[in-house]
Amino acid sequence: MKLSIAEGFYLIALDDEEGRILAAAEKNVVPGVIASCILELYLLKKLKLDGGNVSVIDTIGTGNGILDNVLKKLKTGPSLINQIEALSSKFKDIQEDLNDLLVQRGILKKEETKLLWIPLSDRMDNANYAFEQEIRNQLKAIVFKSAKPSAAFTVLFSIIDDCNILSEVFKDRDELIDAEKVGKEIVERSGVDADLANALMELKKFFK
């Protein structure tokens, strides 16, 4: 995946027509982004997940500003869920950081909505949809072609499912039913290591 897991999750959580976060994702978008960052840092071997507790083992930056900001705030000891809850309150504006990063990379563009000449709000539009399309294609391949997901796509699929926005990718009702079934099995299907599998199962309980 050419984007970070958090960036991929955020693009799916954005309503392509409205240019704003989907109503279904408003409550969970920040913890969803934080969870995505923490699990990507795990995949990058910046931390361990021992028995559900986070241990920071490498503080050298990744080059991704969002991931690095989360890494700086992580503490060794607290559980994954406690870290997500604590950081969600510290990074309430993380959506703005993601907007800026994705605009800088030429993936999103910010447009001001107006009533006559009065600015009302900003909306985010896709400047290069190829990135999101690639993510959508891979998610559909996991469901319809039984493609074995990478660890990163296992995390992404699982968190999208946890945050109740699978329907943004699988708009047809029958397709959504198939996708939800995969969501229940994806941790087992992907063959990720035990620590990551346990973390994803804890996230399912947390988001419910």
Protein backbone atom coordinates (compact mmCIF):
# COMPACT_ATOMS: atom_id res chain seq x y z
CA MET A 1 0.00 0.00 0.00
CA LYS A 2 1.51 3.31 -1.08
CA LEU A 3 -0.22 5.21 1.70
CA SER A 4 -0.01 4.67 5.42
CA ILE A 5 -2.82 2.62 6.92
CA ALA A 6 -4.19 5.75 8.61
CA GLU A 7 -4.22 7.64 5.30
CA GLY A 8 -6.00 4.78 3.57
CA PHE A 9 -8.59 4.56 6.35
CA TYR A 10 -9.12 8.32 6.24
CA LEU A 11 -9.70 8.37 2.47
CA ILE A 12 -12.38 5.70 2.81
CA ALA A 13 -13.94 7.60 5.74
CA LEU A 14 -14.28 10.73 3.59
CA ASP A 15 -17.54 11.09 1.70
CA ASP A 16 -16.43 11.53 -1.93
CA GLU A 17 -19.52 13.55 -2.81
CA GLU A 18 -19.74 15.77 0.26
CA GLY A 19 -16.02 16.17 0.87
CA ARG A 20 -16.55 15.58 4.59
CA ILE A 21 -16.28 12.66 7.00
CA LEU A 22 -19.07 10.12 6.54
CA ALA A 23 -21.79 10.42 9.17
CA ALA A 24 -21.21 6.78 10.15
CA ALA A 25 -17.52 7.49 10.79
CA GLU A 26 -17.78 10.78 12.70
CA LYS A 27 -17.70 9.17 16.15
CA ASN A 28 -14.84 6.77 15.45
CA VAL A 29 -12.68 8.50 12.86
CA VAL A 30 -10.13 9.86 15.36
CA PRO A 31 -9.68 6.63 17.36
CA GLY A 32 -9.71 4.76 14.04
CA VAL A 33 -6.82 6.88 12.77
CA ILE A 34 -4.91 6.51 16.07
CA ALA A 35 -5.43 2.73 16.08
CA SER A 36 -4.23 2.58 12.47
CA CYS A 37 -1.09 4.52 13.38
CA ILE A 38 -0.26 2.39 16.40
CA LEU A 39 -0.65 -0.87 14.50
CA GLU A 40 1.41 0.44 11.60
CA LEU A 41 4.14 1.41 14.04
CA TYR A 42 3.98 -2.18 15.26
CA LEU A 43 4.40 -3.45 11.70
CA LEU A 44 7.35 -1.08 11.31
CA LYS A 45 8.88 -2.64 14.46
CA LYS A 46 8.76 0.64 16.36
CA LEU A 47 6.90 -1.02 19.22
CA LYS A 48 5.85 -4.35 20.66
CA LEU A 49 2.41 -5.51 21.73
CA ASP A 50 3.13 -7.79 24.66
CA GLY A 51 -0.07 -9.22 26.04
CA GLY A 52 -1.96 -6.23 24.70
CA ASN A 53 0.40 -3.71 26.31
CA VAL A 54 2.44 -1.32 24.20
CA SER A 55 6.23 -1.18 24.55
CA VAL A 56 8.09 1.43 22.50
CA ILE A 57 11.37 -0.07 21.22
CA ASP A 58 12.49 2.38 18.53
CA THR A 59 11.89 6.13 18.62
CA ILE A 60 13.59 6.97 15.30
CA GLY A 61 11.11 8.72 13.02
CA THR A 62 9.45 7.03 10.06
CA GLY A 63 9.40 10.09 7.79
CA ASN A 64 5.61 10.25 8.01
CA GLY A 65 4.61 13.22 10.17
CA ILE A 66 1.36 11.66 11.41
CA LEU A 67 3.01 8.40 12.47
CA ASP A 68 5.94 10.23 14.05
CA ASN A 69 3.68 12.49 16.13
CA VAL A 70 1.83 9.44 17.46
CA LEU A 71 5.11 7.64 18.14
CA LYS A 72 6.37 10.57 20.22
CA LYS A 73 3.27 10.48 22.43
CA LEU A 74 3.14 6.72 23.00
CA LYS A 75 4.13 5.45 26.43
CA THR A 76 5.59 2.10 27.34
CA GLY A 77 3.28 0.12 29.58
CA PRO A 78 -0.36 1.12 28.98
CA SER A 79 -2.60 -1.19 26.98
CA LEU A 80 -3.39 -0.61 23.33
CA ILE A 81 -6.92 0.52 24.19
CA ASN A 82 -5.74 2.90 26.91
CA GLN A 83 -3.23 4.41 24.49
CA ILE A 84 -5.92 4.94 21.86
CA GLU A 85 -8.23 6.61 24.37
CA ALA A 86 -5.47 8.87 25.70
CA LEU A 87 -4.13 9.87 22.29
CA SER A 88 -7.59 10.44 20.82
CA SER A 89 -8.06 13.28 23.27
CA LYS A 90 -4.60 14.69 22.48
CA PHE A 91 -5.02 14.47 18.72
CA LYS A 92 -8.55 15.83 18.30
CA ASP A 93 -7.38 17.79 15.24
CA ILE A 94 -5.58 14.88 13.58
CA GLN A 95 -8.04 15.11 10.68
CA GLU A 96 -6.61 18.52 9.83
CA ASP A 97 -3.10 17.09 9.92
CA LEU A 98 -4.20 14.33 7.54
CA ASN A 99 -5.87 16.86 5.25
CA ASP A 100 -2.68 18.91 5.11
CA LEU A 101 -0.49 15.87 4.48
CA LEU A 102 -2.73 14.50 1.72
CA VAL A 103 -3.03 17.94 0.10
CA GLN A 104 0.75 18.28 0.20
CA ARG A 105 1.08 14.90 -1.52
CA GLY A 106 -1.40 15.91 -4.23
CA ILE A 107 -4.00 13.31 -3.22
CA LEU A 108 -6.63 15.68 -1.82
CA LYS A 109 -7.44 19.31 -2.53
CA LYS A 110 -9.19 21.75 -0.23
CA GLU A 111 -12.09 23.74 -1.64
CA GLU A 112 -14.00 26.50 0.12
CA THR A 113 -17.76 26.28 -0.06
CA LYS A 114 -19.58 29.61 -0.27
CA LEU A 115 -23.09 30.98 -0.11
CA LEU A 116 -22.98 33.83 -2.59
CA TRP A 117 -19.64 35.38 -1.52
CA ILE A 118 -19.68 34.27 2.13
CA PRO A 119 -17.27 31.42 3.01
CA LEU A 120 -19.10 28.64 4.83
CA SER A 121 -16.67 25.76 5.26
CA ASP A 122 -13.90 23.77 3.63
CA ARG A 123 -14.51 20.52 1.82
CA MET A 124 -11.92 17.96 0.77
CA ASP A 125 -12.01 16.69 -2.80
CA ASN A 126 -9.91 14.03 -4.47
CA ALA A 127 -7.14 15.52 -6.57
CA ASN A 128 -5.78 12.08 -7.48
CA TYR A 129 -8.36 9.32 -7.04
CA ALA A 130 -5.94 6.61 -8.17
CA PHE A 131 -4.67 6.16 -4.61
CA GLU A 132 -8.12 5.55 -3.15
CA GLN A 133 -9.13 3.43 -6.15
CA GLU A 134 -6.15 1.15 -5.58
CA ILE A 135 -7.19 0.66 -1.97
CA ARG A 136 -10.79 -0.07 -2.95
CA ASN A 137 -9.66 -2.55 -5.60
CA GLN A 138 -7.52 -4.43 -3.11
CA LEU A 139 -10.29 -4.55 -0.51
CA LYS A 140 -12.65 -5.97 -3.11
CA ALA A 141 -10.05 -8.51 -4.22
CA ILE A 142 -9.87 -9.74 -0.62
CA VAL A 143 -13.64 -10.31 -0.60
CA PHE A 144 -14.41 -11.47 -4.13
CA LYS A 145 -11.16 -13.12 -5.25
CA SER A 146 -10.12 -14.58 -1.89
CA ALA A 147 -6.84 -12.65 -2.13
CA LYS A 148 -4.75 -13.17 0.99
CA PRO A 149 -4.40 -9.74 2.59
CA SER A 150 -1.06 -8.34 3.68
CA ALA A 151 -0.74 -7.45 7.35
CA ALA A 152 -1.33 -3.78 6.47
CA PHE A 153 -4.51 -4.54 4.53
CA THR A 154 -5.67 -6.87 7.30
CA VAL A 155 -5.44 -3.94 9.72
CA LEU A 156 -7.10 -1.56 7.26
CA PHE A 157 -9.99 -3.91 6.43
CA SER A 158 -10.55 -4.73 10.09
CA ILE A 159 -10.63 -1.09 11.23
CA ILE A 160 -12.92 -0.06 8.35
CA ASP A 161 -15.23 -2.87 9.45
CA ASP A 162 -14.96 -1.88 13.12
CA CYS A 163 -15.89 1.73 12.28
CA ASN A 164 -18.98 0.63 10.30
CA ILE A 165 -17.92 2.07 6.94
CA LEU A 166 -17.56 -1.10 4.87
CA SER A 167 -20.70 0.07 3.07
CA GLU A 168 -18.68 2.95 1.61
CA VAL A 169 -16.63 0.40 -0.33
CA PHE A 170 -19.27 -2.29 -0.78
CA LYS A 171 -22.36 -0.32 -1.70
CA ASP A 172 -24.42 -3.23 -3.05
CA ARG A 173 -26.32 -4.98 -0.24
CA ASP A 174 -25.27 -8.49 -1.26
CA GLU A 175 -21.66 -7.40 -1.64
CA LEU A 176 -21.78 -5.83 1.81
CA ILE A 177 -23.03 -9.07 3.33
CA ASP A 178 -20.07 -10.90 1.78
CA ALA A 179 -17.68 -8.19 3.01
CA GLU A 180 -19.03 -8.31 6.55
CA LYS A 181 -18.54 -12.08 6.57
CA VAL A 182 -14.93 -11.60 5.52
CA GLY A 183 -14.54 -8.97 8.22
CA LYS A 184 -15.39 -11.57 10.85
CA GLU A 185 -12.82 -14.01 9.46
CA ILE A 186 -10.05 -11.78 8.15
CA VAL A 187 -7.75 -12.06 11.17
CA GLU A 188 -7.74 -15.86 10.87
CA ARG A 189 -7.54 -15.81 7.07
CA SER A 190 -4.58 -13.45 6.92
CA GLY A 191 -2.30 -15.46 9.16
CA VAL A 192 -0.94 -12.39 11.02
CA ASP A 193 1.12 -13.03 14.14
CA ALA A 194 -0.56 -13.66 17.48
CA ASP A 195 0.16 -10.21 18.96
CA LEU A 196 -1.38 -8.40 16.00
CA ALA A 197 -4.32 -10.81 15.89
CA ASN A 198 -5.01 -10.22 19.58
CA ALA A 199 -4.78 -6.44 19.06
CA LEU A 200 -7.30 -6.55 16.22
CA MET A 201 -9.70 -8.60 18.33
CA GLU A 202 -9.36 -6.09 21.18
CA LEU A 203 -10.15 -3.29 18.73
CA LYS A 204 -13.35 -5.03 17.66
CA LYS A 205 -14.52 -5.07 21.27
CA PHE A 206 -13.43 -1.45 21.76
CA PHE A 207 -15.29 -0.04 18.74
CA LYS A 208 -18.47 -1.97 19.56
